[in-house]
Amino acid sequence: MSLQKNVIANYLGQGWTALMGIAFVPLYIHALGEETFGLIGVFIVLQALITLLDLGLTPTLNREMARLRAGAHTAESIRDLLRSLELIYVALAVVMIAVIWLGSSWLANGWLRAEYISPALVILSIKIMAFVLATRWCEQVYRGALQGMQDQVWLNGVQAVLATLRWGGAYVVVTYIWPSIIAFFVWQGCISVLTAIILVYRTYRILPASARMARFSVPALREIYGFASGMFLVALLSLLLTQADKLVISKLLPLTQLGYYMLAATVASGLLQLITPMNTAVYPKFTEQVARNDLDGLALTYQHSCEWMSAIIIPPALLLTFFAAPVLLAWTGDIQLAQSVSALLALLSLGTLFNGLMNLPYMLQLAYGWTSLTIKVNIVAVVLIVPTIIWAVPRYGAVGAACAWLALNAAYLVLTAQLMYRRILPAAKWPWYRKAIVAPLLAGSLTGAALLAVLPVPSSRIAAAFTVLLAGLCLTVAVVCALPNVRVRLMLVLSATFRFRTR
């Protein structure tokens, strides 16, 4: 499967899945009530947190499946590894269910503060929730395997259909069949079981045939231990770095300031949705080329992918940086709120942009199995950034925390990249900086500054929406024109489309 098809499939599939998760939220609130919907919110938060329990196994399996395509595994060895990880996931899923069931009473009465829902209903919801979370967690092993084998077009198509069934079907059930939060979680459980069955079937169908049955293998686990443990430490340190600012603000500033900061952080984190599909597509491709020792092909794939990443993330990030207030006004319709949050959004968006530009270099490190650089850099970052935030927030408020986030990611872009290129693709360093970083950032920044100087400040929601659309279009054109490979590719596509229509 081509890299281009995987990238397109990831953006379409993951975009649709995210849309389904958002689109039905107002409908659930209307059907179940705000307090009952709070249980769905708890479910979504817990679903995000359990990814830390992955212990680095999913990206590890992803990498090993990509290495299978390059001949680094036999059919027997890869099936043994998959079976070993399956058994670990199932065992931990059982433990997860048991822990949540045992703690369900405390969660219902000691953590959640329900005013109108009976404690018995909350406890039952939590118990069903435990089963759903455990099942969804087990899906990760097969999702990682399919991504590593680059079966991403099929995977995204199936996930889009299942996401529609998961969220749209739940709305139909709770609205027309069984108007209860229990019905919502039962439906989620049914779809999760269906998803697991489909992913298991697909994974084993496309794996190479083996002369014997797969079995649990300690040597297979021992071989991946170093990489998996490194990935777990990276995830843990990343969690500390991304949540430290919010924890400090919640402790040192009024709740209103935390609300402003969370709003800005939520909008800025939307940029990450533009990064993940590209990462998912290129990571197994990088890994396969590394395993084949195809350094020329790797360098070409890397440079082109970095330019496309810049084309995708720089325009919206600079839009949020230069036109934060119009974006917020167009979205919320509240001028005062837009003014209060705009500075935070601009700083956080620029920091997230720098973070996003470092994602493909990070994928390249993982393709080589090199996790120690990120671990060491993140340890230093935690040691420096947490005290900095604690010092800055009392003096400069939430803006101090946002500046710390920006400084952290600027350091990644300038310093960490230097360390990486000393060991991996050293000849690609300056072309990467020049073509994928400096040129598009300079073109976009100059365009953004010029637009900011000439466009009137919008005072209404409609005017703000027009400003955002115009600025977004101009920024996209400017950035694309500064990226040679992207520009040439798009011109070829437009030329072919025009010739087809004129026939």
Protein backbone atom coordinates (compact mmCIF):
# COMPACT_ATOMS: atom_id res chain seq x y z
CA MET A 1 0.00 0.00 0.00
CA SER A 2 1.42 3.40 -0.99
CA LEU A 3 2.32 6.01 1.60
CA GLN A 4 0.12 8.57 -0.15
CA LYS A 5 -2.98 6.35 0.09
CA ASN A 6 -2.30 5.63 3.76
CA VAL A 7 -1.94 9.34 4.57
CA ILE A 8 -5.19 10.22 2.80
CA ALA A 9 -7.01 7.29 4.41
CA ASN A 10 -5.76 8.29 7.87
CA TYR A 11 -6.94 11.87 7.53
CA LEU A 12 -10.35 10.84 6.22
CA GLY A 13 -10.86 7.94 8.63
CA GLN A 14 -9.56 9.59 11.79
CA GLY A 15 -11.27 12.85 10.89
CA TRP A 16 -14.61 11.10 10.51
CA THR A 17 -14.10 9.18 13.76
CA ALA A 18 -13.34 12.42 15.63
CA LEU A 19 -16.37 14.10 14.03
CA MET A 20 -18.66 11.29 15.18
CA GLY A 21 -17.35 11.68 18.74
CA ILE A 22 -18.13 15.41 18.70
CA ALA A 23 -21.28 15.67 16.58
CA PHE A 24 -23.55 13.68 18.89
CA VAL A 25 -22.54 15.40 22.15
CA PRO A 26 -25.36 18.00 22.10
CA LEU A 27 -27.84 15.26 21.19
CA TYR A 28 -26.76 13.09 24.13
CA ILE A 29 -27.11 16.05 26.48
CA HIS A 30 -30.63 16.69 25.16
CA ALA A 31 -31.63 13.03 25.39
CA LEU A 32 -30.09 12.16 28.76
CA GLY A 33 -29.64 15.45 30.61
CA GLU A 34 -26.48 17.29 31.60
CA GLU A 35 -25.72 15.31 34.77
CA THR A 36 -26.22 11.94 33.10
CA PHE A 37 -24.03 13.09 30.22
CA GLY A 38 -21.35 13.73 32.83
CA LEU A 39 -20.96 9.94 33.12
CA ILE A 40 -20.23 9.83 29.39
CA GLY A 41 -17.63 12.54 29.99
CA VAL A 42 -16.02 10.39 32.68
CA PHE A 43 -15.98 7.48 30.23
CA ILE A 44 -14.23 9.59 27.57
CA VAL A 45 -11.61 10.83 30.06
CA LEU A 46 -10.88 7.31 31.36
CA GLN A 47 -10.64 6.03 27.81
CA ALA A 48 -7.91 8.58 27.13
CA LEU A 49 -6.05 7.81 30.37
CA ILE A 50 -5.86 4.05 29.83
CA THR A 51 -3.58 4.62 26.85
CA LEU A 52 -0.81 5.09 29.43
CA LEU A 53 -1.37 1.46 30.51
CA ASP A 54 -0.33 0.42 27.02
CA LEU A 55 3.21 0.16 28.44
CA GLY A 56 4.66 1.00 25.03
CA LEU A 57 3.45 -2.30 23.56
CA THR A 58 1.27 -0.96 20.72
CA PRO A 59 3.97 1.19 19.04
CA THR A 60 6.39 -1.69 19.60
CA LEU A 61 4.11 -4.16 17.79
CA ASN A 62 3.56 -1.55 15.07
CA ARG A 63 7.32 -1.39 14.55
CA GLU A 64 7.78 -5.18 14.54
CA MET A 65 5.00 -5.65 11.98
CA ALA A 66 6.69 -3.08 9.74
CA ARG A 67 9.97 -4.97 10.17
CA LEU A 68 8.14 -8.15 9.14
CA ARG A 69 7.53 -6.60 5.72
CA ALA A 70 11.28 -6.05 5.44
CA GLY A 71 12.08 -9.69 6.30
CA ALA A 72 13.19 -9.15 9.90
CA HIS A 73 10.69 -11.75 11.21
CA THR A 74 9.52 -15.20 10.21
CA ALA A 75 5.84 -16.12 10.17
CA GLU A 76 6.33 -18.12 13.37
CA SER A 77 8.22 -15.40 15.27
CA ILE A 78 5.75 -12.61 14.49
CA ARG A 79 2.76 -14.81 15.37
CA ASP A 80 4.43 -15.80 18.66
CA LEU A 81 5.00 -12.13 19.47
CA LEU A 82 1.39 -11.27 18.68
CA ARG A 83 0.08 -14.17 20.77
CA SER A 84 2.31 -13.15 23.69
CA LEU A 85 1.04 -9.57 23.59
CA GLU A 86 -2.56 -10.77 23.25
CA LEU A 87 -2.28 -12.77 26.46
CA ILE A 88 -0.70 -9.82 28.29
CA TYR A 89 -3.45 -7.48 27.12
CA VAL A 90 -6.21 -9.91 28.12
CA ALA A 91 -4.68 -10.50 31.56
CA LEU A 92 -4.35 -6.77 32.22
CA ALA A 93 -7.88 -6.19 30.91
CA VAL A 94 -9.22 -8.66 33.49
CA VAL A 95 -7.24 -6.86 36.20
CA MET A 96 -8.62 -3.53 34.99
CA ILE A 97 -12.21 -4.79 35.19
CA ALA A 98 -11.66 -6.25 38.67
CA VAL A 99 -10.09 -3.05 40.03
CA ILE A 100 -12.84 -0.81 38.66
CA TRP A 101 -15.56 -3.16 39.92
CA LEU A 102 -14.05 -3.27 43.40
CA GLY A 103 -13.73 0.52 43.43
CA SER A 104 -17.09 1.28 41.80
CA SER A 105 -18.82 2.13 45.09
CA TRP A 106 -16.05 4.53 46.11
CA LEU A 107 -16.02 6.09 42.65
CA ALA A 108 -19.79 6.61 42.73
CA ASN A 109 -19.95 8.01 46.25
CA GLY A 110 -16.51 9.46 46.91
CA TRP A 111 -15.32 10.83 43.59
CA LEU A 112 -18.39 11.58 41.47
CA ARG A 113 -20.91 13.96 42.99
CA ALA A 114 -24.28 13.09 41.46
CA GLU A 115 -27.25 15.14 42.66
CA TYR A 116 -30.14 13.62 40.72
CA ILE A 117 -28.87 10.19 39.63
CA SER A 118 -29.16 7.38 42.16
CA PRO A 119 -25.87 5.91 43.46
CA ALA A 120 -26.98 2.45 42.35
CA LEU A 121 -27.35 3.66 38.76
CA VAL A 122 -23.93 5.30 38.87
CA ILE A 123 -22.31 2.13 40.25
CA LEU A 124 -23.93 -0.03 37.56
CA SER A 125 -22.78 2.43 34.87
CA ILE A 126 -19.21 2.30 36.17
CA LYS A 127 -19.21 -1.52 36.15
CA ILE A 128 -20.41 -1.67 32.54
CA MET A 129 -17.96 1.11 31.70
CA ALA A 130 -15.13 -1.09 33.03
CA PHE A 131 -15.97 -3.84 30.55
CA VAL A 132 -16.17 -1.37 27.65
CA LEU A 133 -12.85 0.25 28.57
CA ALA A 134 -11.11 -3.12 28.88
CA THR A 135 -12.45 -4.27 25.51
CA ARG A 136 -11.46 -1.03 23.78
CA TRP A 137 -8.02 -1.28 25.33
CA CYS A 138 -7.56 -4.78 23.88
CA GLU A 139 -8.41 -3.41 20.43
CA GLN A 140 -5.12 -1.50 20.48
CA VAL A 141 -2.95 -4.56 19.91
CA TYR A 142 -4.69 -5.40 16.62
CA ARG A 143 -4.92 -1.77 15.54
CA GLY A 144 -1.16 -1.45 16.05
CA ALA A 145 -0.54 -4.66 14.09
CA LEU A 146 -2.65 -3.53 11.12
CA GLN A 147 -1.01 -0.10 11.08
CA GLY A 148 2.42 -1.71 11.09
CA MET A 149 1.47 -3.93 8.16
CA GLN A 150 0.30 -0.74 6.41
CA ASP A 151 -3.26 -2.03 6.02
CA GLN A 152 -4.41 1.48 6.87
CA VAL A 153 -6.94 2.09 4.09
CA TRP A 154 -9.00 -0.90 5.22
CA LEU A 155 -8.51 -0.05 8.91
CA ASN A 156 -9.70 3.52 8.52
CA GLY A 157 -12.71 2.50 6.46
CA VAL A 158 -13.82 -0.02 9.07
CA GLN A 159 -13.15 2.38 11.95
CA ALA A 160 -15.23 5.08 10.27
CA VAL A 161 -18.17 2.70 9.90
CA LEU A 162 -17.81 1.42 13.47
CA ALA A 163 -17.51 4.97 14.86
CA THR A 164 -20.78 5.85 13.13
CA LEU A 165 -22.41 2.77 14.66
CA ARG A 166 -20.84 3.48 18.06
CA TRP A 167 -21.98 7.10 18.44
CA GLY A 168 -24.91 7.37 16.03
CA GLY A 169 -26.34 4.02 17.05
CA ALA A 170 -26.08 4.94 20.73
CA TYR A 171 -28.13 8.08 20.07
CA VAL A 172 -30.86 6.06 18.33
CA VAL A 173 -30.93 3.55 21.20
CA VAL A 174 -31.15 6.10 24.05
CA THR A 175 -33.64 8.28 22.18
CA TYR A 176 -36.08 5.79 20.69
CA ILE A 177 -35.54 2.40 22.35
CA TRP A 178 -34.20 2.64 25.91
CA PRO A 179 -33.75 6.19 27.29
CA SER A 180 -31.14 5.36 29.91
CA ILE A 181 -27.44 5.84 30.46
CA ILE A 182 -27.25 2.06 30.96
CA ALA A 183 -28.42 1.62 27.37
CA PHE A 184 -25.63 3.89 26.19
CA PHE A 185 -22.91 1.83 27.88
CA VAL A 186 -24.44 -1.51 26.88
CA TRP A 187 -24.45 -0.35 23.26
CA GLN A 188 -20.85 0.80 23.59
CA GLY A 189 -19.94 -2.64 24.94
CA CYS A 190 -21.62 -4.41 22.01
CA ILE A 191 -19.82 -2.26 19.44
CA SER A 192 -16.51 -2.77 21.25
CA VAL A 193 -16.90 -6.57 21.11
CA LEU A 194 -17.85 -6.35 17.42
CA THR A 195 -14.81 -4.14 16.75
CA ALA A 196 -12.46 -6.55 18.51
CA ILE A 197 -13.81 -9.53 16.55
CA ILE A 198 -13.40 -7.73 13.21
CA LEU A 199 -9.85 -6.56 13.99
CA VAL A 200 -8.76 -10.01 15.20
CA TYR A 201 -10.13 -11.65 12.05
CA ARG A 202 -8.44 -9.13 9.74
CA THR A 203 -5.09 -9.29 11.55
CA TYR A 204 -4.78 -13.06 11.37
CA ARG A 205 -6.09 -13.17 7.82
CA ILE A 206 -3.30 -10.98 6.42
CA LEU A 207 -0.48 -12.38 8.57
CA PRO A 208 1.78 -14.84 6.74
CA ALA A 209 0.78 -18.48 7.23
CA SER A 210 2.68 -20.53 9.80
CA ALA A 211 3.38 -24.25 9.95
CA ARG A 212 2.45 -24.38 13.65
CA MET A 213 0.14 -22.73 16.14
CA ALA A 214 1.23 -19.45 17.72
CA ARG A 215 2.34 -19.68 21.35
CA PHE A 216 3.39 -17.50 24.27
CA SER A 217 7.11 -16.74 23.93
CA VAL A 218 9.29 -15.22 26.62
CA PRO A 219 12.25 -14.79 24.20
CA ALA A 220 10.00 -12.83 21.82
CA LEU A 221 9.02 -10.49 24.67
CA ARG A 222 12.63 -10.20 25.81
CA GLU A 223 13.66 -8.99 22.35
CA ILE A 224 11.22 -6.05 22.44
CA TYR A 225 11.65 -5.22 26.13
CA GLY A 226 14.16 -2.40 25.61
CA PHE A 227 12.11 -0.56 23.00
CA ALA A 228 8.78 -1.10 24.79
CA SER A 229 10.11 0.14 28.14
CA GLY A 230 11.61 3.16 26.40
CA MET A 231 8.25 3.96 24.82
CA PHE A 232 6.54 3.69 28.21
CA LEU A 233 8.99 6.15 29.76
CA VAL A 234 8.51 8.53 26.83
CA ALA A 235 4.73 8.40 27.32
CA LEU A 236 5.03 8.97 31.06
CA LEU A 237 7.38 11.95 30.70
CA SER A 238 5.23 13.41 27.92
CA LEU A 239 2.21 13.20 30.21
CA LEU A 240 4.09 15.14 32.89
CA LEU A 241 5.21 17.79 30.42
CA THR A 242 1.77 18.31 28.88
CA GLN A 243 -0.17 18.37 32.16
CA ALA A 244 2.20 20.28 34.47
CA ASP A 245 0.97 23.69 33.34
CA LYS A 246 -2.67 22.80 33.98
CA LEU A 247 -1.95 21.35 37.42
CA VAL A 248 0.02 24.42 38.52
CA ILE A 249 -2.61 26.84 37.20
CA SER A 250 -5.40 24.90 38.94
CA LYS A 251 -3.49 25.24 42.21
CA LEU A 252 -2.23 28.83 42.00
CA LEU A 253 -4.82 30.75 39.96
CA PRO A 254 -8.60 31.32 40.20
CA LEU A 255 -10.86 28.80 38.50
CA THR A 256 -11.81 31.39 35.86
CA GLN A 257 -8.19 31.64 34.71
CA LEU A 258 -7.99 27.86 34.54
CA GLY A 259 -11.13 27.89 32.39
CA TYR A 260 -9.57 30.40 29.97
CA TYR A 261 -6.38 28.36 29.80
CA MET A 262 -8.25 25.08 29.21
CA LEU A 263 -10.28 26.68 26.42
CA ALA A 264 -7.11 27.91 24.69
CA ALA A 265 -5.37 24.55 25.25
CA THR A 266 -8.35 22.66 23.81
CA VAL A 267 -8.35 24.74 20.62
CA ALA A 268 -4.55 24.55 20.24
CA SER A 269 -4.56 20.79 20.80
CA GLY A 270 -6.86 20.48 17.79
CA LEU A 271 -3.68 20.92 15.74
CA LEU A 272 -2.59 17.50 17.00
CA GLN A 273 -5.47 15.96 15.05
CA LEU A 274 -3.64 17.11 11.91
CA ILE A 275 -0.41 15.45 13.02
CA THR A 276 -1.48 11.95 14.09
CA PRO A 277 -2.67 10.66 10.67
CA MET A 278 0.67 11.56 9.09
CA ASN A 279 2.60 9.91 11.93
CA THR A 280 0.51 6.75 11.63
CA ALA A 281 1.26 6.49 7.91
CA VAL A 282 4.98 7.29 7.84
CA TYR A 283 6.14 5.43 10.96
CA PRO A 284 5.82 1.89 9.50
CA LYS A 285 7.23 3.13 6.18
CA PHE A 286 10.29 4.58 7.92
CA THR A 287 10.69 1.36 9.91
CA GLU A 288 10.51 -0.83 6.81
CA GLN A 289 13.12 1.28 4.99
CA VAL A 290 15.43 1.23 8.03
CA ALA A 291 15.11 -2.57 8.26
CA ARG A 292 15.98 -2.85 4.54
CA ASN A 293 18.89 -0.41 5.03
CA ASP A 294 17.40 1.69 2.20
CA LEU A 295 18.96 4.96 3.36
CA ASP A 296 18.46 6.80 0.06
CA GLY A 297 14.78 5.90 -0.01
CA LEU A 298 14.46 6.76 3.66
CA ALA A 299 16.00 10.22 3.18
CA LEU A 300 13.66 10.94 0.25
CA THR A 301 10.56 9.72 2.10
CA TYR A 302 11.57 11.68 5.18
CA GLN A 303 12.14 14.99 3.37
CA HIS A 304 8.91 14.77 1.38
CA SER A 305 6.90 13.75 4.46
CA CYS A 306 8.32 16.65 6.48
CA GLU A 307 7.36 19.12 3.78
CA TRP A 308 3.82 17.74 3.64
CA MET A 309 3.60 17.91 7.43
CA SER A 310 4.60 21.59 7.25
CA ALA A 311 1.99 22.24 4.57
CA ILE A 312 -0.68 20.65 6.74
CA ILE A 313 0.11 22.13 10.16
CA ILE A 314 1.78 25.53 9.60
CA PRO A 315 -1.16 27.41 8.00
CA PRO A 316 -3.76 26.60 10.70
CA ALA A 317 -1.19 27.08 13.48
CA LEU A 318 -0.20 30.53 12.20
CA LEU A 319 -3.87 31.35 11.75
CA LEU A 320 -4.44 30.62 15.44
CA THR A 321 -1.29 32.59 16.31
CA PHE A 322 -1.95 35.79 14.31
CA PHE A 323 -5.75 35.70 14.33
CA ALA A 324 -6.57 34.08 17.66
CA ALA A 325 -9.19 36.69 18.60
CA PRO A 326 -11.16 36.45 15.31
CA VAL A 327 -11.06 32.64 15.50
CA LEU A 328 -12.46 32.68 19.03
CA LEU A 329 -15.05 35.33 18.16
CA ALA A 330 -16.22 33.34 15.10
CA TRP A 331 -16.47 30.18 17.22
CA THR A 332 -18.01 31.51 20.44
CA GLY A 333 -19.64 34.81 19.40
CA ASP A 334 -18.34 36.32 22.67
CA ILE A 335 -16.06 39.34 22.16
CA GLN A 336 -14.99 39.55 25.80
CA LEU A 337 -14.11 35.86 25.93
CA ALA A 338 -12.17 36.14 22.67
CA GLN A 339 -10.12 39.03 24.03
CA SER A 340 -9.42 37.24 27.32
CA VAL A 341 -8.22 34.01 25.69
CA SER A 342 -6.56 35.24 22.47
CA ALA A 343 -3.05 35.77 23.91
CA LEU A 344 -3.08 32.31 25.51
CA LEU A 345 -4.30 30.71 22.29
CA ALA A 346 -1.61 32.42 20.21
CA LEU A 347 1.22 31.26 22.49
CA LEU A 348 -0.07 27.71 22.91
CA SER A 349 -0.70 27.34 19.17
CA LEU A 350 2.82 28.43 18.30
CA GLY A 351 4.24 26.01 20.86
CA THR A 352 2.06 23.19 19.49
CA LEU A 353 3.26 24.04 15.98
CA PHE A 354 6.91 23.60 17.01
CA ASN A 355 5.94 20.36 18.74
CA GLY A 356 4.22 19.14 15.59
CA LEU A 357 7.21 19.93 13.39
CA MET A 358 9.33 17.63 15.60
CA ASN A 359 6.95 14.68 15.27
CA LEU A 360 8.43 13.19 12.09
CA PRO A 361 12.01 13.43 13.42
CA TYR A 362 10.65 11.57 16.46
CA MET A 363 9.06 8.92 14.21
CA LEU A 364 12.45 8.55 12.52
CA GLN A 365 14.11 7.91 15.89
CA LEU A 366 11.52 5.25 16.70
CA ALA A 367 12.08 3.60 13.32
CA TYR A 368 15.69 3.11 14.39
CA GLY A 369 14.55 1.86 17.81
CA TRP A 370 16.25 4.86 19.44
CA THR A 371 14.19 5.99 22.44
CA SER A 372 16.99 7.04 24.80
CA LEU A 373 17.42 10.50 23.24
CA THR A 374 13.80 11.43 23.83
CA ILE A 375 13.88 10.00 27.37
CA LYS A 376 17.00 11.99 28.31
CA VAL A 377 15.73 15.19 26.72
CA ASN A 378 12.33 14.87 28.40
CA ILE A 379 13.91 14.19 31.81
CA VAL A 380 15.88 17.42 31.47
CA ALA A 381 12.74 19.19 30.25
CA VAL A 382 10.70 18.02 33.27
CA VAL A 383 13.45 19.14 35.66
CA LEU A 384 13.55 22.59 34.06
CA ILE A 385 9.97 23.26 32.97
CA VAL A 386 8.05 22.39 36.14
CA PRO A 387 10.00 24.83 38.38
CA THR A 388 9.79 27.43 35.60
CA ILE A 389 6.00 27.15 35.48
CA ILE A 390 5.76 27.30 39.28
CA TRP A 391 7.89 30.47 39.20
CA ALA A 392 6.15 32.10 36.21
CA VAL A 393 2.46 31.53 37.01
CA PRO A 394 2.28 33.63 40.25
CA ARG A 395 4.11 36.48 38.48
CA TYR A 396 2.64 36.44 34.99
CA GLY A 397 -0.51 34.37 35.34
CA ALA A 398 -1.58 31.79 32.79
CA VAL A 399 0.43 33.62 30.12
CA GLY A 400 3.58 32.59 32.01
CA ALA A 401 2.66 28.92 31.65
CA ALA A 402 1.89 29.38 27.94
CA CYS A 403 5.30 31.05 27.43
CA ALA A 404 6.97 28.09 29.15
CA TRP A 405 5.20 25.69 26.75
CA LEU A 406 6.36 27.77 23.78
CA ALA A 407 9.96 27.92 25.04
CA LEU A 408 10.02 24.16 25.67
CA ASN A 409 8.96 23.26 22.13
CA ALA A 410 11.21 25.89 20.54
CA ALA A 411 14.11 24.23 22.36
CA TYR A 412 13.05 20.85 20.98
CA LEU A 413 13.07 22.26 17.45
CA VAL A 414 16.45 23.98 17.78
CA LEU A 415 18.44 21.74 20.14
CA THR A 416 16.99 18.21 20.09
CA ALA A 417 17.02 18.08 16.30
CA GLN A 418 20.76 18.86 16.35
CA LEU A 419 21.38 15.85 18.57
CA MET A 420 19.28 13.56 16.38
CA TYR A 421 20.95 14.52 13.10
CA ARG A 422 24.39 13.80 14.54
CA ARG A 423 23.42 10.10 14.49
CA ILE A 424 20.60 9.71 11.94
CA LEU A 425 20.57 11.08 8.36
CA PRO A 426 23.11 13.86 9.03
CA ALA A 427 22.94 15.01 5.41
CA ALA A 428 19.20 15.68 5.80
CA LYS A 429 19.60 18.26 8.60
CA TRP A 430 20.07 21.47 6.66
CA PRO A 431 17.60 20.59 3.85
CA TRP A 432 15.06 19.86 6.60
CA TYR A 433 15.67 23.15 8.37
CA ARG A 434 15.78 25.16 5.15
CA LYS A 435 12.95 23.61 3.12
CA ALA A 436 10.54 22.22 5.73
CA ILE A 437 11.00 24.69 8.62
CA VAL A 438 12.51 28.11 7.88
CA ALA A 439 11.10 28.78 4.39
CA PRO A 440 7.43 27.94 5.12
CA LEU A 441 7.53 29.55 8.58
CA LEU A 442 9.03 32.74 7.17
CA ALA A 443 6.57 32.89 4.27
CA GLY A 444 3.62 32.24 6.54
CA SER A 445 4.76 34.66 9.26
CA LEU A 446 5.34 37.52 6.81
CA THR A 447 1.93 36.89 5.25
CA GLY A 448 0.25 36.73 8.65
CA ALA A 449 1.90 39.97 9.81
CA ALA A 450 0.89 41.75 6.60
CA LEU A 451 -2.72 40.56 6.85
CA LEU A 452 -2.85 41.57 10.51
CA ALA A 453 -1.74 45.07 9.53
CA VAL A 454 -4.23 45.61 6.69
CA LEU A 455 -7.35 43.70 7.73
CA PRO A 456 -9.81 45.55 9.98
CA VAL A 457 -10.43 44.20 13.47
CA PRO A 458 -13.77 42.31 13.28
CA SER A 459 -16.47 43.30 15.73
CA SER A 460 -19.13 40.75 14.79
CA ARG A 461 -19.23 37.00 14.43
CA ILE A 462 -19.84 37.13 10.67
CA ALA A 463 -16.99 39.58 10.12
CA ALA A 464 -14.71 37.41 12.22
CA ALA A 465 -15.61 34.32 10.19
CA PHE A 466 -14.84 36.17 6.95
CA THR A 467 -11.49 37.34 8.34
CA VAL A 468 -10.60 33.80 9.42
CA LEU A 469 -11.48 32.31 6.02
CA LEU A 470 -9.56 34.96 4.08
CA ALA A 471 -6.51 34.78 6.33
CA GLY A 472 -6.54 30.97 6.29
CA LEU A 473 -6.60 30.90 2.49
CA CYS A 474 -3.77 33.43 2.16
CA LEU A 475 -1.61 31.63 4.75
CA THR A 476 -2.14 28.29 3.02
CA VAL A 477 -1.13 29.67 -0.38
CA ALA A 478 1.95 31.38 1.06
CA VAL A 479 3.14 28.28 2.92
CA VAL A 480 2.52 25.89 0.01
CA CYS A 481 4.41 28.17 -2.38
CA ALA A 482 7.42 28.01 -0.03
CA LEU A 483 7.49 24.18 -0.05
CA PRO A 484 9.04 22.96 -3.35
CA ASN A 485 7.92 19.33 -3.34
CA VAL A 486 4.40 20.15 -2.19
CA ARG A 487 4.08 22.98 -4.70
CA VAL A 488 5.19 20.82 -7.63
CA ARG A 489 2.94 17.93 -6.60
CA LEU A 490 -0.12 20.13 -6.27
CA MET A 491 0.57 21.83 -9.61
CA LEU A 492 0.73 18.42 -11.30
CA VAL A 493 -2.57 17.39 -9.71
CA LEU A 494 -4.27 20.66 -10.69
CA SER A 495 -2.88 20.43 -14.22
CA ALA A 496 -4.09 16.85 -14.66
CA THR A 497 -7.52 17.77 -13.26
CA PHE A 498 -7.84 20.74 -15.60
CA ARG A 499 -6.87 18.66 -18.65
CA PHE A 500 -9.40 15.99 -17.68
CA ARG A 501 -12.23 18.54 -17.39
CA THR A 502 -11.44 20.21 -20.71
CA ARG A 503 -11.65 16.98 -22.69
